[in-house]
């Protein structure tokens, strides 16, 4: 009765290790896509090239060198020696067939977020996603792993905002829209006109304070940290 347990526990650990490698590979693809990838307007790396890279760097041997156009071969020298079943057969017998990778660049479609992004000059095509799919081979003569058909998929999305400002005043100028800055993004002036008549009533109540409409305090780095 203990024999199947001794076979199954290490196998589960190996499958979890493959899942962890897939998660790391999806992060790599997402961050590579953040720079440029095949789905962007300025292509740099295609999905096929990214797939070749993750097969060699994440699913091959741990000491695989980082080399351009280095492919993972379906032989023992390029396979992770731990990813085998109890008979020594590889859990990923064919790199190209068992491991796939896809990168994608998508637009920010959430209505409110898209409106604010447009008004502040933010790029709305800034969702960079990486997906890795791994098909783990079945283990013959070991139920239920002989017909499990295990498929592992990991997905990572990176949201990139390219907007920046020259300083605190620049941040305030972009956010505020009032009589001093009609080109600003948010209508603080009209909102403050609504709130102002209520301030005397809030002052009567101890500890009560209405929101300070239009106050923008950008993050300030403490002086001792700058030194």
C-alpha atoms as a PDB file:
ATOM      1  CA  UNK A   1       0.000   0.000   0.000  1.00  0.00           C
ATOM      2  CA  UNK A   2       2.902   2.374   0.654  1.00  0.00           C
ATOM      3  CA  UNK A   3       4.581   1.744  -2.698  1.00  0.00           C
ATOM      4  CA  UNK A   4       2.148   3.921  -4.730  1.00  0.00           C
ATOM      5  CA  UNK A   5       2.574   6.666  -2.132  1.00  0.00           C
ATOM      6  CA  UNK A   6       6.343   6.635  -2.544  1.00  0.00           C
ATOM      7  CA  UNK A   7       5.866   6.965  -6.316  1.00  0.00           C
ATOM      8  CA  UNK A   8       3.122   9.603  -6.289  1.00  0.00           C
ATOM      9  CA  UNK A   9       4.517  12.111  -3.756  1.00  0.00           C
ATOM     10  CA  UNK A  10       7.775  12.778  -5.703  1.00  0.00           C
ATOM     11  CA  UNK A  11       5.763  12.963  -8.939  1.00  0.00           C
ATOM     12  CA  UNK A  12       3.464  15.620  -7.479  1.00  0.00           C
ATOM     13  CA  UNK A  13       6.509  17.598  -6.376  1.00  0.00           C
ATOM     14  CA  UNK A  14       7.935  17.473  -9.879  1.00  0.00           C
ATOM     15  CA  UNK A  15       4.658  18.664 -11.390  1.00  0.00           C
ATOM     16  CA  UNK A  16       4.543  21.552  -8.922  1.00  0.00           C
ATOM     17  CA  UNK A  17       8.119  22.422  -9.869  1.00  0.00           C
ATOM     18  CA  UNK A  18       7.116  22.538 -13.536  1.00  0.00           C
ATOM     19  CA  UNK A  19       4.186  24.797 -12.617  1.00  0.00           C
ATOM     20  CA  UNK A  20       6.570  27.152 -10.801  1.00  0.00           C
ATOM     21  CA  UNK A  21       8.830  27.256 -13.862  1.00  0.00           C
ATOM     22  CA  UNK A  22       5.797  28.109 -15.997  1.00  0.00           C
ATOM     23  CA  UNK A  23       4.930  31.027 -13.681  1.00  0.00           C
ATOM     24  CA  UNK A  24       8.484  32.388 -13.895  1.00  0.00           C
ATOM     25  CA  UNK A  25       8.477  32.001 -17.674  1.00  0.00           C
ATOM     26  CA  UNK A  26       5.185  33.922 -17.988  1.00  0.00           C
ATOM     27  CA  UNK A  27       6.704  36.810 -16.008  1.00  0.00           C
ATOM     28  CA  UNK A  28       9.680  36.826 -18.350  1.00  0.00           C
ATOM     29  CA  UNK A  29       7.442  36.996 -21.417  1.00  0.00           C
ATOM     30  CA  UNK A  30       5.323  39.798 -19.922  1.00  0.00           C
ATOM     31  CA  UNK A  31       8.362  41.928 -19.122  1.00  0.00           C
ATOM     32  CA  UNK A  32       9.938  41.228 -22.506  1.00  0.00           C
ATOM     33  CA  UNK A  33       6.657  42.272 -24.114  1.00  0.00           C
ATOM     34  CA  UNK A  34       6.738  45.439 -22.040  1.00  0.00           C
ATOM     35  CA  UNK A  35       9.812  46.450 -24.035  1.00  0.00           C
ATOM     36  CA  UNK A  36       8.636  45.221 -27.457  1.00  0.00           C
ATOM     37  CA  UNK A  37       7.179  42.033 -28.807  1.00  0.00           C
ATOM     38  CA  UNK A  38       5.583  40.616 -31.910  1.00  0.00           C
ATOM     39  CA  UNK A  39       2.135  42.067 -31.201  1.00  0.00           C
ATOM     40  CA  UNK A  40       3.328  45.657 -30.777  1.00  0.00           C
ATOM     41  CA  UNK A  41       3.734  48.368 -33.409  1.00  0.00           C
ATOM     42  CA  UNK A  42       7.534  48.082 -33.258  1.00  0.00           C
ATOM     43  CA  UNK A  43       8.213  44.339 -33.278  1.00  0.00           C
ATOM     44  CA  UNK A  44      11.378  43.060 -31.690  1.00  0.00           C
ATOM     45  CA  UNK A  45      10.760  39.467 -30.578  1.00  0.00           C
ATOM     46  CA  UNK A  46       8.126  37.209 -32.061  1.00  0.00           C
ATOM     47  CA  UNK A  47       6.128  34.746 -29.989  1.00  0.00           C
ATOM     48  CA  UNK A  48       8.101  31.918 -31.591  1.00  0.00           C
ATOM     49  CA  UNK A  49      11.383  33.464 -30.455  1.00  0.00           C
ATOM     50  CA  UNK A  50      10.056  34.050 -26.938  1.00  0.00           C
ATOM     51  CA  UNK A  51       8.864  30.437 -26.784  1.00  0.00           C
ATOM     52  CA  UNK A  52      12.318  29.191 -27.800  1.00  0.00           C
ATOM     53  CA  UNK A  53      13.910  31.337 -25.095  1.00  0.00           C
ATOM     54  CA  UNK A  54      11.691  30.122 -22.252  1.00  0.00           C
ATOM     55  CA  UNK A  55      12.103  26.493 -23.309  1.00  0.00           C
ATOM     56  CA  UNK A  56      15.859  26.764 -23.005  1.00  0.00           C
ATOM     57  CA  UNK A  57      16.129  29.148 -20.044  1.00  0.00           C
ATOM     58  CA  UNK A  58      13.264  27.947 -17.827  1.00  0.00           C
ATOM     59  CA  UNK A  59      12.525  24.336 -18.776  1.00  0.00           C
ATOM     60  CA  UNK A  60      15.996  23.097 -19.648  1.00  0.00           C
ATOM     61  CA  UNK A  61      18.951  22.518 -17.332  1.00  0.00           C
ATOM     62  CA  UNK A  62      19.488  25.043 -14.552  1.00  0.00           C
ATOM     63  CA  UNK A  63      22.934  25.968 -15.892  1.00  0.00           C
ATOM     64  CA  UNK A  64      21.705  26.740 -19.418  1.00  0.00           C
ATOM     65  CA  UNK A  65      23.617  29.752 -20.805  1.00  0.00           C
ATOM     66  CA  UNK A  66      21.798  32.899 -21.921  1.00  0.00           C
ATOM     67  CA  UNK A  67      22.652  32.859 -25.618  1.00  0.00           C
ATOM     68  CA  UNK A  68      20.941  34.267 -28.676  1.00  0.00           C
ATOM     69  CA  UNK A  69      19.167  31.673 -30.830  1.00  0.00           C
ATOM     70  CA  UNK A  70      20.019  28.896 -28.357  1.00  0.00           C
ATOM     71  CA  UNK A  71      17.403  26.133 -28.689  1.00  0.00           C
ATOM     72  CA  UNK A  72      16.481  23.378 -26.257  1.00  0.00           C
ATOM     73  CA  UNK A  73      17.122  19.962 -27.743  1.00  0.00           C
ATOM     74  CA  UNK A  74      15.142  16.823 -27.007  1.00  0.00           C
ATOM     75  CA  UNK A  75      18.048  14.939 -25.443  1.00  0.00           C
ATOM     76  CA  UNK A  76      19.262  14.293 -21.903  1.00  0.00           C
ATOM     77  CA  UNK A  77      21.935  17.003 -21.828  1.00  0.00           C
ATOM     78  CA  UNK A  78      19.287  19.709 -22.270  1.00  0.00           C
ATOM     79  CA  UNK A  79      16.592  18.252 -20.000  1.00  0.00           C
ATOM     80  CA  UNK A  80      16.040  18.966 -16.323  1.00  0.00           C
ATOM     81  CA  UNK A  81      17.230  15.722 -14.689  1.00  0.00           C
ATOM     82  CA  UNK A  82      14.553  15.937 -11.973  1.00  0.00           C
ATOM     83  CA  UNK A  83      11.577  16.066 -14.330  1.00  0.00           C
ATOM     84  CA  UNK A  84      11.251  12.341 -14.966  1.00  0.00           C
ATOM     85  CA  UNK A  85       8.828   9.679 -13.798  1.00  0.00           C
ATOM     86  CA  UNK A  86       9.743   6.634 -11.698  1.00  0.00           C
ATOM     87  CA  UNK A  87      10.952   4.825 -14.820  1.00  0.00           C
ATOM     88  CA  UNK A  88      13.230   7.664 -15.889  1.00  0.00           C
ATOM     89  CA  UNK A  89      11.060   8.802 -18.799  1.00  0.00           C
ATOM     90  CA  UNK A  90      10.908  12.620 -19.223  1.00  0.00           C
ATOM     91  CA  UNK A  91       7.744  14.443 -18.203  1.00  0.00           C
ATOM     92  CA  UNK A  92       8.426  16.894 -21.057  1.00  0.00           C
ATOM     93  CA  UNK A  93       9.527  14.581 -23.881  1.00  0.00           C
ATOM     94  CA  UNK A  94       9.416  17.173 -26.689  1.00  0.00           C
ATOM     95  CA  UNK A  95      10.112  20.828 -25.874  1.00  0.00           C
ATOM     96  CA  UNK A  96       8.370  22.275 -28.935  1.00  0.00           C
ATOM     97  CA  UNK A  97       5.271  20.102 -28.512  1.00  0.00           C
ATOM     98  CA  UNK A  98       4.983  20.271 -24.728  1.00  0.00           C
ATOM     99  CA  UNK A  99       5.748  23.957 -24.103  1.00  0.00           C
ATOM    100  CA  UNK A 100       4.089  26.944 -25.754  1.00  0.00           C
ATOM    101  CA  UNK A 101       4.262  30.680 -25.124  1.00  0.00           C
ATOM    102  CA  UNK A 102       2.155  33.643 -26.256  1.00  0.00           C
ATOM    103  CA  UNK A 103       2.624  37.380 -25.729  1.00  0.00           C
ATOM    104  CA  UNK A 104      -0.072  39.989 -26.137  1.00  0.00           C
ATOM    105  CA  UNK A 105      -0.465  43.747 -25.982  1.00  0.00           C
ATOM    106  CA  UNK A 106      -3.979  44.841 -25.056  1.00  0.00           C
ATOM    107  CA  UNK A 107      -5.805  48.130 -24.541  1.00  0.00           C
ATOM    108  CA  UNK A 108      -7.222  49.512 -21.313  1.00  0.00           C
ATOM    109  CA  UNK A 109     -10.956  49.227 -21.979  1.00  0.00           C
ATOM    110  CA  UNK A 110     -12.402  49.936 -18.529  1.00  0.00           C
ATOM    111  CA  UNK A 111     -14.568  53.030 -19.280  1.00  0.00           C
ATOM    112  CA  UNK A 112     -13.692  55.285 -16.342  1.00  0.00           C
ATOM    113  CA  UNK A 113     -10.021  54.351 -16.438  1.00  0.00           C
ATOM    114  CA  UNK A 114      -9.836  54.934 -20.192  1.00  0.00           C
ATOM    115  CA  UNK A 115     -11.353  58.435 -19.824  1.00  0.00           C
ATOM    116  CA  UNK A 116      -8.860  59.436 -17.139  1.00  0.00           C
ATOM    117  CA  UNK A 117      -5.954  57.921 -19.076  1.00  0.00           C
ATOM    118  CA  UNK A 118      -6.900  59.885 -22.180  1.00  0.00           C
ATOM    119  CA  UNK A 119      -7.216  63.161 -20.285  1.00  0.00           C
ATOM    120  CA  UNK A 120      -3.824  62.755 -18.617  1.00  0.00           C
ATOM    121  CA  UNK A 121      -2.052  61.749 -21.804  1.00  0.00           C
ATOM    122  CA  UNK A 122      -1.531  58.125 -20.737  1.00  0.00           C
ATOM    123  CA  UNK A 123      -1.061  55.360 -23.259  1.00  0.00           C
ATOM    124  CA  UNK A 124      -4.130  53.126 -23.247  1.00  0.00           C
ATOM    125  CA  UNK A 125      -2.403  50.253 -25.094  1.00  0.00           C
ATOM    126  CA  UNK A 126      -0.310  49.409 -22.054  1.00  0.00           C
ATOM    127  CA  UNK A 127      -1.399  45.958 -20.865  1.00  0.00           C
ATOM    128  CA  UNK A 128       1.390  43.496 -21.672  1.00  0.00           C
ATOM    129  CA  UNK A 129       0.556  39.854 -21.012  1.00  0.00           C
ATOM    130  CA  UNK A 130       2.586  36.664 -21.160  1.00  0.00           C
ATOM    131  CA  UNK A 131       1.056  33.176 -21.174  1.00  0.00           C
ATOM    132  CA  UNK A 132       2.878  29.857 -20.917  1.00  0.00           C
ATOM    133  CA  UNK A 133       1.183  26.510 -21.517  1.00  0.00           C
ATOM    134  CA  UNK A 134       2.815  23.221 -20.545  1.00  0.00           C
ATOM    135  CA  UNK A 135       1.533  19.742 -21.400  1.00  0.00           C
ATOM    136  CA  UNK A 136       2.910  17.168 -18.939  1.00  0.00           C
ATOM    137  CA  UNK A 137       3.249  13.626 -20.251  1.00  0.00           C
ATOM    138  CA  UNK A 138       1.142  10.856 -18.727  1.00  0.00           C
ATOM    139  CA  UNK A 139       2.872   8.162 -16.650  1.00  0.00           C
ATOM    140  CA  UNK A 140       2.099   4.696 -17.927  1.00  0.00           C
ATOM    141  CA  UNK A 141       0.894   2.007 -15.506  1.00  0.00           C
ATOM    142  CA  UNK A 142       0.401   4.465 -12.635  1.00  0.00           C
ATOM    143  CA  UNK A 143      -3.240   5.360 -12.051  1.00  0.00           C
ATOM    144  CA  UNK A 144      -4.599   8.017 -12.330  1.00  0.00           C
ATOM    145  CA  UNK A 145      -1.471   9.579 -13.889  1.00  0.00           C
ATOM    146  CA  UNK A 146      -1.615   7.201 -16.859  1.00  0.00           C
ATOM    147  CA  UNK A 147      -4.600   9.124 -18.299  1.00  0.00           C
ATOM    148  CA  UNK A 148      -4.394  12.446 -16.442  1.00  0.00           C
ATOM    149  CA  UNK A 149      -3.738  14.698 -19.441  1.00  0.00           C
ATOM    150  CA  UNK A 150      -2.275  17.375 -17.163  1.00  0.00           C
ATOM    151  CA  UNK A 151      -2.125  20.854 -18.702  1.00  0.00           C
ATOM    152  CA  UNK A 152      -0.487  23.711 -16.806  1.00  0.00           C
ATOM    153  CA  UNK A 153      -1.069  27.344 -17.774  1.00  0.00           C
ATOM    154  CA  UNK A 154       0.360  30.435 -16.113  1.00  0.00           C
ATOM    155  CA  UNK A 155      -0.461  34.028 -17.030  1.00  0.00           C
ATOM    156  CA  UNK A 156       1.184  37.340 -16.077  1.00  0.00           C
ATOM    157  CA  UNK A 157       0.015  40.841 -17.030  1.00  0.00           C
ATOM    158  CA  UNK A 158       2.068  44.004 -16.569  1.00  0.00           C
ATOM    159  CA  UNK A 159       0.411  47.441 -16.637  1.00  0.00           C
ATOM    160  CA  UNK A 160       2.783  50.130 -17.887  1.00  0.00           C
ATOM    161  CA  UNK A 161       2.208  53.871 -17.606  1.00  0.00           C
ATOM    162  CA  UNK A 162       4.647  56.072 -19.483  1.00  0.00           C
ATOM    163  CA  UNK A 163       3.374  59.398 -18.098  1.00  0.00           C
ATOM    164  CA  UNK A 164       5.704  61.407 -15.897  1.00  0.00           C
ATOM    165  CA  UNK A 165       5.953  64.983 -14.681  1.00  0.00           C
ATOM    166  CA  UNK A 166       8.831  67.390 -14.114  1.00  0.00           C
ATOM    167  CA  UNK A 167       7.955  67.906 -10.452  1.00  0.00           C
ATOM    168  CA  UNK A 168       5.159  68.496  -7.912  1.00  0.00           C
ATOM    169  CA  UNK A 169       3.875  71.561  -9.752  1.00  0.00           C
ATOM    170  CA  UNK A 170       3.708  69.594 -12.961  1.00  0.00           C
ATOM    171  CA  UNK A 171       1.575  66.926 -11.253  1.00  0.00           C
ATOM    172  CA  UNK A 172      -0.795  69.564  -9.865  1.00  0.00           C
ATOM    173  CA  UNK A 173      -1.071  71.297 -13.241  1.00  0.00           C
ATOM    174  CA  UNK A 174      -2.098  68.074 -14.958  1.00  0.00           C
ATOM    175  CA  UNK A 175      -4.644  67.062 -12.334  1.00  0.00           C
ATOM    176  CA  UNK A 176      -6.292  70.399 -11.563  1.00  0.00           C
ATOM    177  CA  UNK A 177      -8.839  72.072 -13.810  1.00  0.00           C
ATOM    178  CA  UNK A 178     -10.101  75.377 -12.531  1.00  0.00           C
ATOM    179  CA  UNK A 179     -10.028  79.021 -13.567  1.00  0.00           C
ATOM    180  CA  UNK A 180      -6.242  79.050 -13.175  1.00  0.00           C
ATOM    181  CA  UNK A 181      -5.720  75.980 -15.306  1.00  0.00           C
ATOM    182  CA  UNK A 182      -8.697  75.326 -17.628  1.00  0.00           C
ATOM    183  CA  UNK A 183      -6.704  72.646 -19.477  1.00  0.00           C
ATOM    184  CA  UNK A 184      -6.343  70.497 -16.340  1.00  0.00           C
ATOM    185  CA  UNK A 185      -7.894  67.067 -16.099  1.00  0.00           C
ATOM    186  CA  UNK A 186     -10.169  67.010 -13.059  1.00  0.00           C
ATOM    187  CA  UNK A 187     -12.835  69.731 -12.358  1.00  0.00           C
ATOM    188  CA  UNK A 188     -11.799  70.631  -8.809  1.00  0.00           C
ATOM    189  CA  UNK A 189     -13.223  74.164  -9.047  1.00  0.00           C
ATOM    190  CA  UNK A 190     -16.926  73.252  -9.493  1.00  0.00           C
ATOM    191  CA  UNK A 191     -16.674  70.548  -6.823  1.00  0.00           C
ATOM    192  CA  UNK A 192     -15.140  72.980  -4.353  1.00  0.00           C
ATOM    193  CA  UNK A 193     -18.009  75.406  -5.020  1.00  0.00           C
ATOM    194  CA  UNK A 194     -20.434  72.683  -3.923  1.00  0.00           C
ATOM    195  CA  UNK A 195     -18.454  71.764  -0.794  1.00  0.00           C
ATOM    196  CA  UNK A 196     -17.617  75.280   0.458  1.00  0.00           C
ATOM    197  CA  UNK A 197     -21.119  76.166   1.821  1.00  0.00           C
ATOM    198  CA  UNK A 198     -21.003  73.034   3.997  1.00  0.00           C
ATOM    199  CA  UNK A 199     -17.711  73.833   5.731  1.00  0.00           C
ATOM    200  CA  UNK A 200     -19.247  75.949   8.585  1.00  0.00           C
ATOM    201  CA  UNK A 201     -21.545  73.061   9.518  1.00  0.00           C
ATOM    202  CA  UNK A 202     -18.668  70.577   9.545  1.00  0.00           C
ATOM    203  CA  UNK A 203     -16.603  72.911  11.784  1.00  0.00           C
ATOM    204  CA  UNK A 204     -19.279  72.735  14.513  1.00  0.00           C
ATOM    205  CA  UNK A 205     -18.874  68.973  14.826  1.00  0.00           C
ATOM    206  CA  UNK A 206     -15.732  68.073  16.739  1.00  0.00           C
ATOM    207  CA  UNK A 207     -13.344  65.997  14.682  1.00  0.00           C
ATOM    208  CA  UNK A 208     -15.282  66.497  11.455  1.00  0.00           C
ATOM    209  CA  UNK A 209     -13.522  67.666   8.313  1.00  0.00           C
ATOM    210  CA  UNK A 210     -14.736  67.837   4.749  1.00  0.00           C
ATOM    211  CA  UNK A 211     -12.501  66.718   1.889  1.00  0.00           C
ATOM    212  CA  UNK A 212     -10.045  69.353   0.697  1.00  0.00           C
ATOM    213  CA  UNK A 213     -11.114  69.588  -2.923  1.00  0.00           C
ATOM    214  CA  UNK A 214      -8.218  70.340  -5.204  1.00  0.00           C
ATOM    215  CA  UNK A 215      -5.416  69.515  -2.792  1.00  0.00           C
ATOM    216  CA  UNK A 216      -2.728  67.525  -4.574  1.00  0.00           C
ATOM    217  CA  UNK A 217       0.227  66.291  -2.521  1.00  0.00           C
ATOM    218  CA  UNK A 218       2.685  64.327  -4.668  1.00  0.00           C
ATOM    219  CA  UNK A 219       4.931  61.848  -2.881  1.00  0.00           C
ATOM    220  CA  UNK A 220       7.853  63.580  -1.232  1.00  0.00           C
ATOM    221  CA  UNK A 221      11.050  61.656  -0.507  1.00  0.00           C
ATOM    222  CA  UNK A 222      12.232  62.341   3.089  1.00  0.00           C
ATOM    223  CA  UNK A 223      15.335  64.497   3.149  1.00  0.00           C
ATOM    224  CA  UNK A 224      17.339  61.976   5.163  1.00  0.00           C
ATOM    225  CA  UNK A 225      16.702  59.369   2.448  1.00  0.00           C
ATOM    226  CA  UNK A 226      18.068  61.663  -0.265  1.00  0.00           C
ATOM    227  CA  UNK A 227      21.401  61.925   1.521  1.00  0.00           C
END
